[in-house]
Protein backbone atom coordinates (compact mmCIF):
# COMPACT_ATOMS: atom_id res chain seq x y z
CA MET A 1 -16.43 9.55 -13.10
CA THR A 2 -19.36 8.76 -10.27
CA ASN A 3 -18.33 7.27 -6.98
CA PHE A 4 -19.89 3.79 -8.13
CA GLN A 5 -17.74 3.90 -11.12
CA HIS A 6 -14.69 4.87 -9.28
CA THR A 7 -15.29 2.11 -6.64
CA PHE A 8 -15.93 -0.47 -9.23
CA ARG A 9 -12.94 0.27 -11.21
CA SER A 10 -10.79 0.20 -7.62
CA VAL A 11 -12.11 -3.55 -6.86
CA ILE A 12 -11.09 -4.44 -10.58
CA ILE A 13 -7.76 -3.36 -10.07
CA VAL A 14 -7.56 -4.99 -6.82
CA ILE A 15 -8.42 -8.27 -8.34
CA ILE A 16 -5.75 -7.75 -11.35
CA GLY A 17 -3.40 -6.98 -8.53
CA SER A 18 -4.10 -9.77 -6.42
CA ILE A 19 -3.55 -12.42 -9.24
CA LEU A 20 -0.14 -10.83 -10.09
CA THR A 21 0.87 -10.85 -6.49
CA ALA A 22 -0.36 -14.35 -6.34
CA ILE A 23 1.68 -15.23 -9.22
CA GLY A 24 4.84 -13.92 -8.14
CA PHE A 25 4.78 -15.60 -4.99
CA ASN A 26 3.94 -19.02 -5.90
CA MET A 27 5.41 -19.44 -9.49
CA PHE A 28 8.76 -17.68 -8.44
CA LEU A 29 9.39 -16.99 -4.79
CA ILE A 30 7.86 -19.81 -3.00
CA HIS A 31 8.93 -22.28 -5.76
CA HIS A 32 12.71 -21.32 -4.98
CA GLN A 33 11.89 -20.85 -1.20
CA LEU A 34 12.48 -16.99 -1.21
CA LEU A 35 11.15 -14.56 0.68
CA SER A 36 8.91 -11.52 0.12
CA GLY A 37 8.72 -8.55 2.44
CA GLY A 38 6.23 -7.90 5.32
CA VAL A 39 3.84 -10.00 6.50
CA SER A 40 4.06 -12.28 3.52
CA GLY A 41 7.43 -12.86 4.27
CA ILE A 42 6.62 -13.97 7.83
CA ALA A 43 4.05 -16.23 6.39
CA MET A 44 6.35 -17.64 3.85
CA MET A 45 9.01 -18.25 6.27
CA ILE A 46 6.88 -20.11 8.95
CA GLY A 47 5.26 -22.29 5.87
CA TYR A 48 8.84 -23.55 4.92
CA PHE A 49 10.22 -24.39 8.38
CA THR A 50 6.47 -26.22 9.27
CA GLY A 51 4.88 -27.15 6.20
CA TRP A 52 1.95 -25.32 6.82
CA ASP A 53 0.11 -23.62 4.02
CA ILE A 54 1.52 -20.39 3.28
CA GLY A 55 -1.82 -18.78 1.71
CA LEU A 56 -3.72 -19.75 4.72
CA LEU A 57 -0.73 -18.53 7.00
CA PHE A 58 -0.74 -14.99 4.88
CA LEU A 59 -4.60 -14.82 5.76
CA VAL A 60 -4.47 -15.45 9.17
CA LEU A 61 -1.53 -13.12 10.03
CA ASN A 62 -3.35 -10.56 8.39
CA ILE A 63 -6.45 -10.61 10.16
CA PRO A 64 -5.49 -8.68 13.30
CA VAL A 65 -3.86 -6.12 11.21
CA LEU A 66 -6.69 -5.33 8.92
CA LEU A 67 -9.24 -5.47 12.09
CA TRP A 68 -7.01 -3.07 13.52
CA GLY A 69 -6.80 -0.85 10.51
CA TYR A 70 -10.58 -1.28 9.99
CA PHE A 71 -10.99 0.85 13.48
CA ALA A 72 -7.96 3.17 12.98
CA ILE A 73 -8.09 4.31 9.46
CA GLY A 74 -10.21 4.99 6.48
CA ARG A 75 -12.65 2.01 5.90
CA PHE A 76 -12.50 2.12 2.15
CA PHE A 77 -8.82 1.64 2.19
CA VAL A 78 -9.07 -1.46 4.70
CA LEU A 79 -12.17 -2.94 2.36
CA LEU A 80 -10.04 -2.90 -0.20
CA SER A 81 -7.17 -4.33 1.44
CA MET A 82 -9.30 -7.23 2.90
CA LEU A 83 -10.46 -8.02 -0.73
CA SER A 84 -6.81 -8.22 -1.69
CA VAL A 85 -5.74 -10.51 1.00
CA LEU A 86 -8.73 -12.68 0.75
CA LEU A 87 -8.36 -12.89 -2.87
CA THR A 88 -4.53 -13.31 -2.73
CA SER A 89 -4.83 -15.94 -0.27
CA TRP A 90 -7.53 -18.10 -2.30
CA LEU A 91 -5.14 -17.56 -5.56
CA MET A 92 -2.28 -19.02 -3.66
CA GLN A 93 -4.26 -22.10 -3.16
CA ILE A 94 -4.93 -22.93 -6.80
CA ILE A 95 -1.81 -21.50 -8.34
CA PRO A 96 0.99 -24.50 -8.92
CA THR A 97 4.26 -23.42 -7.42
CA GLY A 98 6.06 -25.49 -10.04
CA TYR A 99 4.28 -24.42 -13.13
CA LEU A 100 7.26 -22.84 -14.93
CA GLY A 101 9.68 -25.80 -14.22
CA GLU A 102 13.17 -25.61 -12.91
CA THR A 103 14.00 -21.72 -13.24
CA ASP A 104 17.56 -20.17 -12.22
CA ILE A 105 16.97 -18.88 -8.52
CA LEU A 106 18.09 -15.41 -9.49
CA ILE A 107 15.46 -15.30 -12.69
CA GLY A 108 12.83 -16.11 -9.46
CA ALA A 109 14.07 -13.59 -7.09
CA VAL A 110 13.99 -10.68 -9.86
CA PHE A 111 10.82 -12.03 -11.74
CA GLY A 112 9.27 -12.50 -8.43
CA GLY A 113 9.75 -9.35 -7.30
CA VAL A 114 8.74 -7.55 -10.49
CA ILE A 115 5.26 -9.17 -10.93
CA ALA A 116 4.42 -8.95 -7.28
CA GLY A 117 5.65 -5.40 -7.02
CA ILE A 118 3.41 -4.59 -10.19
CA GLY A 119 0.48 -6.54 -8.35
CA ILE A 120 1.36 -4.74 -4.90
CA GLY A 121 1.63 -1.28 -6.66
CA ILE A 122 -1.60 -1.15 -8.52
CA THR A 123 -3.44 -2.10 -5.32
CA LEU A 124 -1.91 0.91 -3.76
CA ARG A 125 -2.86 2.95 -6.75
CA ALA A 126 -6.48 1.82 -6.63
CA GLY A 127 -6.60 2.95 -2.53
CA GLY A 128 -6.10 -0.46 -1.02
CA SER A 129 -2.98 -2.56 -0.14
CA THR A 130 -2.04 -6.18 0.14
CA GLY A 131 -2.38 -5.88 4.16
CA GLY A 132 0.30 -6.40 6.75
CA PHE A 133 3.39 -3.71 6.84
CA ASP A 134 0.93 -1.41 4.78
CA ILE A 135 -1.79 -1.24 6.94
CA ILE A 136 0.83 -0.78 9.98
CA GLY A 137 2.38 1.82 8.29
CA SER A 138 -0.88 3.68 7.42
CA ILE A 139 -1.57 3.58 11.29
CA LEU A 140 2.05 4.49 12.41
CA THR A 141 1.73 7.49 9.94
CA GLN A 142 -1.38 8.81 11.13
CA LYS A 143 -0.24 8.56 14.85
CA ARG A 144 3.16 9.75 14.96
CA ASP A 145 5.43 11.57 12.49
CA VAL A 146 8.13 8.44 11.83
CA PRO A 147 10.34 7.86 8.95
CA LEU A 148 8.11 5.05 7.65
CA GLY A 149 10.46 3.94 4.89
CA SER A 150 13.30 3.15 7.22
CA LEU A 151 10.97 1.24 9.89
CA LEU A 152 9.75 -0.82 7.14
CA SER A 153 13.40 -1.70 5.70
CA ILE A 154 14.41 -2.56 9.22
CA LEU A 155 11.60 -4.84 9.49
CA ASN A 156 12.06 -6.64 6.65
CA GLY A 157 16.01 -6.78 7.30
CA LEU A 158 15.13 -8.44 10.58
CA ILE A 159 12.84 -11.26 8.66
CA ILE A 160 15.90 -11.84 6.30
CA MET A 161 18.31 -12.08 9.07
CA ILE A 162 16.04 -14.61 11.02
CA HIS A 163 15.60 -16.57 8.01
CA GLY A 164 19.23 -16.65 7.31
CA TYR A 165 20.06 -17.67 11.19
CA LEU A 166 17.33 -20.34 10.92
CA THR A 167 18.11 -22.02 7.51
CA GLN A 168 22.23 -21.28 7.88
CA ASP A 169 21.73 -20.75 3.87
CA TRP A 170 22.69 -17.15 3.60
CA ASN A 171 22.63 -17.43 -0.28
CA LEU A 172 18.82 -17.59 0.11
CA SER A 173 18.35 -14.68 2.11
CA LEU A 174 20.63 -12.64 0.08
CA TYR A 175 18.40 -13.67 -2.95
CA SER A 176 15.40 -12.77 -0.83
CA LEU A 177 16.97 -9.39 -0.24
CA ILE A 178 17.07 -8.82 -4.14
CA SER A 179 13.45 -9.86 -4.52
CA ILE A 180 12.39 -7.30 -2.03
CA TYR A 181 14.50 -4.64 -3.42
CA VAL A 182 13.06 -5.23 -6.84
CA ALA A 183 9.62 -5.25 -5.71
CA GLY A 184 10.10 -2.13 -3.46
CA LYS A 185 11.30 -0.15 -6.61
CA VAL A 186 8.76 -1.46 -8.92
CA VAL A 187 6.19 -0.38 -6.37
CA ASP A 188 7.88 3.20 -5.97
CA MET A 189 7.50 3.43 -9.90
CA ILE A 190 3.84 2.67 -9.97
CA HIS A 191 3.06 4.19 -6.68
CA ILE A 192 3.68 7.34 -5.10
CA ARG A 193 6.94 7.07 -3.40
CA HIS A 194 7.09 9.89 -0.68
CA ILE A 195 5.38 9.53 2.56
CA LYS A 196 3.50 12.95 2.53
CA VAL A 197 1.49 14.89 0.06
CA THR A 198 -0.01 18.54 -0.14
CA ALA A 199 -3.42 18.63 -1.86
CA PHE A 200 -4.65 22.21 -2.91
CA ILE A 201 -8.39 21.77 -3.46
CA ILE A 202 -10.28 24.77 -5.44
CA THR A 203 -13.95 24.01 -4.58
CA THR A 204 -17.31 25.77 -4.88
CA GLU A 205 -18.51 23.46 -1.87
CA LYS A 206 -16.32 24.78 0.77
CA ASP A 207 -18.21 24.22 4.06
CA GLN A 208 -19.44 20.80 3.23
CA LEU A 209 -15.76 19.54 2.20
CA LEU A 210 -13.98 21.43 5.12
CA ALA A 211 -16.51 20.05 7.74
CA THR A 212 -15.85 16.50 5.80
CA LEU A 213 -12.00 16.83 5.79
CA LEU A 214 -11.59 18.10 9.43
CA GLN A 215 -13.07 14.66 10.35
CA ARG A 216 -9.78 13.10 9.25
CA GLN A 217 -7.89 14.60 11.97
CA ARG A 218 -5.63 16.49 9.49
CA GLY A 219 -5.18 20.35 9.52
CA VAL A 220 -6.77 22.16 6.76
CA THR A 221 -5.86 25.64 5.64
CA HIS A 222 -8.77 27.77 3.97
CA ILE A 223 -7.17 30.42 1.40
CA ARG A 224 -9.31 32.94 -0.55
CA THR A 225 -8.09 32.91 -4.20
CA THR A 226 -8.93 35.01 -7.38
CA GLY A 227 -8.65 33.54 -10.87
CA ALA A 228 -6.00 35.35 -12.84
CA TYR A 229 -8.32 34.72 -16.09
CA SER A 230 -11.72 34.91 -14.99
CA LEU A 231 -11.07 37.28 -12.20
CA GLN A 232 -13.87 35.14 -9.97
CA GLU A 233 -13.00 34.73 -6.34
CA ARG A 234 -12.78 30.69 -4.88
CA ASP A 235 -12.08 28.94 -1.87
CA MET A 236 -8.81 27.31 -1.92
CA LEU A 237 -8.14 24.37 0.95
CA MET A 238 -4.83 23.26 1.55
CA THR A 239 -3.93 19.86 3.45
CA VAL A 240 -1.04 17.81 4.21
CA THR A 241 -1.74 13.96 4.57
CA THR A 242 0.01 10.45 3.68
CA ARG A 243 0.09 8.49 1.01
CA TYR A 244 -1.75 5.84 2.57
CA GLU A 245 -4.68 8.30 3.17
CA LEU A 246 -4.49 10.10 -0.17
CA ALA A 247 -6.99 7.42 -1.99
CA GLU A 248 -9.74 8.14 0.57
CA LEU A 249 -8.90 11.88 0.43
CA LYS A 250 -9.53 11.83 -3.53
CA ARG A 251 -12.84 9.97 -2.93
CA THR A 252 -14.05 12.27 -0.68
CA ILE A 253 -13.37 15.38 -2.86
CA ARG A 254 -15.06 13.57 -5.82
CA GLN A 255 -18.19 12.65 -3.73
CA ILE A 256 -18.75 16.28 -2.44
CA ASP A 257 -17.55 18.45 -5.44
CA PRO A 258 -16.86 16.51 -8.77
CA ARG A 259 -15.98 19.41 -10.44
CA ALA A 260 -13.18 20.64 -7.97
CA PHE A 261 -9.48 21.36 -9.13
CA VAL A 262 -7.15 19.37 -7.26
CA ASN A 263 -3.27 19.62 -7.23
CA ILE A 264 -1.46 17.12 -5.34
CA VAL A 265 2.67 17.57 -4.85
CA GLU A 266 5.28 16.21 -3.14
CA THR A 267 6.08 17.33 0.17
CA ALA A 268 9.87 17.25 0.89
CA GLU A 269 9.85 18.27 4.59
CA ILE A 270 7.55 19.39 7.19
CA ILE A 271 8.35 21.89 10.13
CA GLY A 272 5.90 22.46 12.62
CA ASP A 273 2.75 20.50 13.80
CA PHE A 274 1.67 17.62 11.91
CA ARG A 275 -0.18 15.33 14.46
CA ARG A 276 3.03 14.07 15.95
CA ASN A 277 0.89 13.00 19.15
């Protein structure tokens, strides 16, 4: 697959993901005054209390995060995220919130979480994100070796608690928790659920690939290998990265050596130096 084909495929997937995310938000969550996780949840909460347009709030709140991400992490990732945020915000203007009529609130929470989770998950698989906490998470995992999943759970929990306190309707907050939990599980099934991965890259373009990978501020180990069947000596590069940087890493490898053999495995734990400062 050429670089253009890969980019075109990613854009199409992001468009589909944006449509699904907007449907999950408007037809299910917003219809029942429920919250999603992250920046979209903050936009929904503000919109419920002020009457302001939630789609527009979603865009406005994401702008500073996207700008921060543009200069701090891979630009391909952020550009796809920008496309996702813009499309989702626009689609939220045109998709009616009451289209399905009066559905049960539990059905709204579950199906809203499932549909939005599919949209978010395939967007992440394409190499982008839906903005907000995903961008912040990417930056944090580059700068610090932090338990990102726990941090995001705490932030989402705070949003739910603030919503419950302000509305004094804890039923809505608990239904929102169901939606966030379901969406998270769906994203985990579609996307890579761990924070860190190790890539083993067997390549014939060692020098060019090594020079490019070292610009990513991740360590790279060079190992000389011999094929058991061919008995040919090859170069293998090993690098540990985060799930947010993985799409950019694969894109870089495809550009430099499309014939490279790449094995990506889950990394349960890292002991030692991994850019903790």
